Amino acid sequence: DPFPKLPDEPEQKMSEALPYLKAPPQLEGWVGNKGFDPLSVTDALPVYLTREAELKHGRVCMLATVGWIATDLGVRFPGEMFQSVSTLQ
């Protein structure tokens, strides 16, 4: 064989969430780890910070959804300026 054989690299675990990507090693040991970090954010930021941000953004989205539904059901703040508010405008 004219080409020298390179030493085998250790097999890296593949992500359960995205089987075509390698699982990020820094997520190992965290609760709920499925290897989902397609943008490799945890390479630059600590995992605890990204999990905290995910929780915060999820809660804000849930509140926004409740506000949207409440507005569609006719819930309004007191005062004349809020009575014509609509999510369809």
N, C-alpha and C. Protein backbone atom coordinates (compact mmCIF):
# COMPACT_ATOMS: atom_id res chain seq x y z
N ASP A 1 0.84 -1.18 0.00
CA ASP A 1 0.00 0.00 0.00
C ASP A 1 0.89 1.25 0.00
N PRO A 2 0.74 2.13 -0.99
CA PRO A 2 1.63 3.31 -1.08
C PRO A 2 1.33 4.38 -0.02
N PHE A 3 0.15 4.35 0.56
CA PHE A 3 -0.21 5.36 1.55
C PHE A 3 -0.08 4.80 2.95
N PRO A 4 0.65 5.50 3.81
CA PRO A 4 0.77 4.99 5.19
C PRO A 4 -0.57 5.10 5.91
N LYS A 5 -0.84 4.13 6.71
CA LYS A 5 -2.10 4.12 7.46
C LYS A 5 -1.97 5.03 8.68
N LEU A 6 -2.92 5.90 8.84
CA LEU A 6 -2.94 6.80 9.99
C LEU A 6 -3.48 6.07 11.20
N PRO A 7 -3.04 6.45 12.39
CA PRO A 7 -3.59 5.79 13.58
C PRO A 7 -5.08 6.08 13.70
N ASP A 8 -5.82 5.11 14.14
CA ASP A 8 -7.26 5.29 14.29
C ASP A 8 -7.56 6.29 15.39
N GLU A 9 -8.48 7.20 15.08
CA GLU A 9 -8.93 8.17 16.08
C GLU A 9 -9.95 7.48 16.97
N PRO A 10 -10.00 7.86 18.24
CA PRO A 10 -11.02 7.26 19.09
C PRO A 10 -12.41 7.60 18.56
N GLU A 11 -13.26 6.63 18.59
CA GLU A 11 -14.64 6.81 18.09
C GLU A 11 -15.39 7.79 18.98
N GLN A 12 -15.88 8.88 18.37
CA GLN A 12 -16.66 9.84 19.14
C GLN A 12 -18.14 9.48 19.03
N LYS A 13 -18.84 9.61 20.15
CA LYS A 13 -20.26 9.28 20.21
C LYS A 13 -21.06 10.24 19.33
N MET A 14 -22.04 9.69 18.62
CA MET A 14 -22.89 10.51 17.77
C MET A 14 -24.09 11.00 18.58
N SER A 15 -24.62 12.15 18.19
CA SER A 15 -25.75 12.76 18.87
C SER A 15 -27.01 11.91 18.69
N GLU A 16 -27.79 11.78 19.76
CA GLU A 16 -29.08 11.07 19.65
C GLU A 16 -30.10 11.93 18.91
N ALA A 17 -30.04 13.24 19.12
CA ALA A 17 -31.01 14.15 18.50
C ALA A 17 -30.74 14.33 17.01
N LEU A 18 -29.47 14.46 16.66
CA LEU A 18 -29.06 14.65 15.27
C LEU A 18 -27.98 13.62 14.94
N PRO A 19 -28.38 12.42 14.51
CA PRO A 19 -27.43 11.32 14.35
C PRO A 19 -26.30 11.56 13.36
N TYR A 20 -26.39 12.58 12.54
CA TYR A 20 -25.34 12.87 11.57
C TYR A 20 -24.28 13.82 12.14
N LEU A 21 -24.48 14.30 13.39
CA LEU A 21 -23.51 15.15 14.06
C LEU A 21 -22.90 14.43 15.26
N LYS A 22 -21.69 14.83 15.61
CA LYS A 22 -21.05 14.26 16.79
C LYS A 22 -21.61 14.90 18.05
N ALA A 23 -21.77 14.11 19.09
CA ALA A 23 -22.31 14.61 20.36
C ALA A 23 -21.27 15.50 21.04
N PRO A 24 -21.68 16.67 21.51
CA PRO A 24 -20.74 17.54 22.20
C PRO A 24 -20.31 16.93 23.54
N PRO A 25 -19.03 16.77 23.79
CA PRO A 25 -18.58 16.13 25.03
C PRO A 25 -18.90 16.94 26.28
N GLN A 26 -19.02 18.27 26.16
CA GLN A 26 -19.30 19.10 27.33
C GLN A 26 -20.73 18.93 27.84
N LEU A 27 -21.61 18.32 27.07
CA LEU A 27 -22.99 18.08 27.53
C LEU A 27 -23.11 16.77 28.31
N GLU A 28 -22.07 15.98 28.30
CA GLU A 28 -22.10 14.68 28.98
C GLU A 28 -22.34 14.86 30.48
N GLY A 29 -23.32 14.12 31.01
CA GLY A 29 -23.62 14.17 32.44
C GLY A 29 -24.74 15.12 32.81
N TRP A 30 -25.20 15.96 31.89
CA TRP A 30 -26.30 16.88 32.18
C TRP A 30 -27.63 16.15 32.02
N VAL A 31 -28.58 16.46 32.86
CA VAL A 31 -29.91 15.84 32.81
C VAL A 31 -30.58 16.19 31.48
N GLY A 32 -31.16 15.21 30.83
CA GLY A 32 -31.86 15.43 29.57
C GLY A 32 -30.96 15.57 28.36
N ASN A 33 -29.71 15.20 28.48
CA ASN A 33 -28.78 15.34 27.37
C ASN A 33 -29.13 14.37 26.24
N LYS A 34 -29.42 14.92 25.08
CA LYS A 34 -29.64 14.13 23.87
C LYS A 34 -28.64 14.51 22.79
N GLY A 35 -27.63 15.30 23.17
CA GLY A 35 -26.60 15.68 22.21
C GLY A 35 -27.04 16.75 21.24
N PHE A 36 -28.00 17.60 21.62
CA PHE A 36 -28.50 18.62 20.70
C PHE A 36 -27.76 19.93 20.93
N ASP A 37 -26.84 20.25 20.07
CA ASP A 37 -26.13 21.52 20.04
C ASP A 37 -25.60 21.72 18.63
N PRO A 38 -26.51 21.90 17.64
CA PRO A 38 -26.09 21.94 16.24
C PRO A 38 -25.20 23.14 15.90
N LEU A 39 -25.28 24.23 16.66
CA LEU A 39 -24.46 25.40 16.37
C LEU A 39 -23.19 25.45 17.21
N SER A 40 -22.97 24.43 18.04
CA SER A 40 -21.80 24.34 18.92
C SER A 40 -21.68 25.55 19.84
N VAL A 41 -22.80 26.01 20.36
CA VAL A 41 -22.82 27.15 21.27
C VAL A 41 -22.05 26.83 22.55
N THR A 42 -22.14 25.59 23.01
CA THR A 42 -21.48 25.22 24.26
C THR A 42 -19.95 25.12 24.12
N ASP A 43 -19.43 25.27 22.90
CA ASP A 43 -17.98 25.37 22.74
C ASP A 43 -17.50 26.74 23.24
N ALA A 44 -18.35 27.76 23.10
CA ALA A 44 -17.97 29.13 23.46
C ALA A 44 -18.54 29.57 24.80
N LEU A 45 -19.67 29.02 25.20
CA LEU A 45 -20.34 29.44 26.44
C LEU A 45 -20.48 28.28 27.40
N PRO A 46 -20.48 28.56 28.70
CA PRO A 46 -20.68 27.48 29.67
C PRO A 46 -22.08 26.87 29.54
N VAL A 47 -22.19 25.58 29.77
CA VAL A 47 -23.46 24.87 29.61
C VAL A 47 -24.52 25.42 30.56
N TYR A 48 -24.13 25.73 31.81
CA TYR A 48 -25.13 26.22 32.76
C TYR A 48 -25.74 27.54 32.28
N LEU A 49 -24.96 28.39 31.59
CA LEU A 49 -25.47 29.66 31.09
C LEU A 49 -26.46 29.44 29.94
N THR A 50 -26.15 28.52 29.04
CA THR A 50 -27.05 28.26 27.92
C THR A 50 -28.36 27.62 28.39
N ARG A 51 -28.29 26.75 29.40
CA ARG A 51 -29.51 26.13 29.93
C ARG A 51 -30.38 27.17 30.64
N GLU A 52 -29.74 28.09 31.37
CA GLU A 52 -30.47 29.15 32.05
C GLU A 52 -31.16 30.06 31.03
N ALA A 53 -30.46 30.40 29.96
CA ALA A 53 -31.03 31.25 28.91
C ALA A 53 -32.19 30.54 28.22
N GLU A 54 -32.07 29.25 28.00
CA GLU A 54 -33.14 28.49 27.36
C GLU A 54 -34.41 28.49 28.22
N LEU A 55 -34.25 28.31 29.52
CA LEU A 55 -35.41 28.36 30.43
C LEU A 55 -36.06 29.73 30.42
N LYS A 56 -35.23 30.78 30.49
CA LYS A 56 -35.76 32.14 30.50
C LYS A 56 -36.55 32.44 29.23
N HIS A 57 -35.97 32.11 28.08
CA HIS A 57 -36.64 32.40 26.81
C HIS A 57 -37.91 31.57 26.65
N GLY A 58 -37.89 30.34 27.12
CA GLY A 58 -39.08 29.51 27.06
C GLY A 58 -40.22 30.09 27.89
N ARG A 59 -39.90 30.60 29.08
CA ARG A 59 -40.93 31.19 29.95
C ARG A 59 -41.48 32.46 29.36
N VAL A 60 -40.63 33.29 28.75
CA VAL A 60 -41.10 34.51 28.10
C VAL A 60 -42.03 34.16 26.94
N CYS A 61 -41.69 33.13 26.18
CA CYS A 61 -42.55 32.71 25.06
C CYS A 61 -43.90 32.21 25.54
N MET A 62 -43.91 31.47 26.67
CA MET A 62 -45.18 30.99 27.21
C MET A 62 -46.06 32.16 27.65
N LEU A 63 -45.47 33.16 28.30
CA LEU A 63 -46.24 34.34 28.71
C LEU A 63 -46.77 35.11 27.50
N ALA A 64 -45.96 35.24 26.47
CA ALA A 64 -46.39 35.93 25.26
C ALA A 64 -47.56 35.20 24.60
N THR A 65 -47.52 33.88 24.60
CA THR A 65 -48.62 33.09 24.03
C THR A 65 -49.91 33.29 24.82
N VAL A 66 -49.80 33.28 26.14
CA VAL A 66 -50.98 33.51 26.99
C VAL A 66 -51.54 34.90 26.73
N GLY A 67 -50.67 35.91 26.59
CA GLY A 67 -51.13 37.27 26.30
C GLY A 67 -51.83 37.38 24.97
N TRP A 68 -51.31 36.69 23.97
CA TRP A 68 -51.93 36.71 22.64
C TRP A 68 -53.32 36.08 22.70
N ILE A 69 -53.42 34.92 23.34
CA ILE A 69 -54.71 34.23 23.45
C ILE A 69 -55.70 35.06 24.25
N ALA A 70 -55.23 35.65 25.36
CA ALA A 70 -56.12 36.48 26.19
C ALA A 70 -56.65 37.67 25.40
N THR A 71 -55.81 38.30 24.60
CA THR A 71 -56.26 39.44 23.78
C THR A 71 -57.31 38.99 22.77
N ASP A 72 -57.10 37.83 22.15
CA ASP A 72 -58.09 37.32 21.20
C ASP A 72 -59.41 36.98 21.87
N LEU A 73 -59.37 36.59 23.15
CA LEU A 73 -60.60 36.26 23.88
C LEU A 73 -61.30 37.51 24.43
N GLY A 74 -60.70 38.69 24.25
CA GLY A 74 -61.35 39.92 24.66
C GLY A 74 -60.85 40.52 25.96
N VAL A 75 -59.83 39.97 26.56
CA VAL A 75 -59.30 40.53 27.81
C VAL A 75 -58.55 41.81 27.47
N ARG A 76 -58.88 42.90 28.18
CA ARG A 76 -58.24 44.20 27.96
C ARG A 76 -57.87 44.83 29.29
N PHE A 77 -56.81 45.65 29.27
CA PHE A 77 -56.49 46.46 30.44
C PHE A 77 -57.53 47.56 30.57
N PRO A 78 -57.77 48.03 31.79
CA PRO A 78 -58.71 49.14 31.93
C PRO A 78 -58.15 50.40 31.25
N GLY A 79 -59.02 51.20 30.75
CA GLY A 79 -58.61 52.44 30.09
C GLY A 79 -59.02 52.45 28.63
N GLU A 80 -59.36 53.64 28.15
CA GLU A 80 -59.87 53.80 26.79
C GLU A 80 -58.85 53.39 25.73
N MET A 81 -57.59 53.68 25.97
CA MET A 81 -56.57 53.42 24.94
C MET A 81 -56.34 51.93 24.68
N PHE A 82 -56.72 51.07 25.61
CA PHE A 82 -56.50 49.64 25.45
C PHE A 82 -57.72 48.89 24.89
N GLN A 83 -58.83 49.56 24.74
CA GLN A 83 -60.05 48.87 24.34
C GLN A 83 -60.07 48.49 22.86
N SER A 84 -59.32 49.16 22.04
CA SER A 84 -59.33 48.84 20.60
C SER A 84 -58.14 47.97 20.18
N VAL A 85 -57.43 47.40 21.13
CA VAL A 85 -56.27 46.57 20.83
C VAL A 85 -56.73 45.25 20.21
N SER A 86 -56.04 44.82 19.16
CA SER A 86 -56.37 43.56 18.50
C SER A 86 -55.07 42.90 18.02
N THR A 87 -55.05 41.59 18.01
CA THR A 87 -53.87 40.89 17.48
C THR A 87 -53.92 40.79 15.96
N LEU A 88 -55.03 41.17 15.36
CA LEU A 88 -55.19 41.04 13.91
C LEU A 88 -54.79 42.31 13.15
N GLN A 89 -54.52 43.40 13.85
CA GLN A 89 -54.17 44.65 13.16
C GLN A 89 -52.75 44.65 12.70
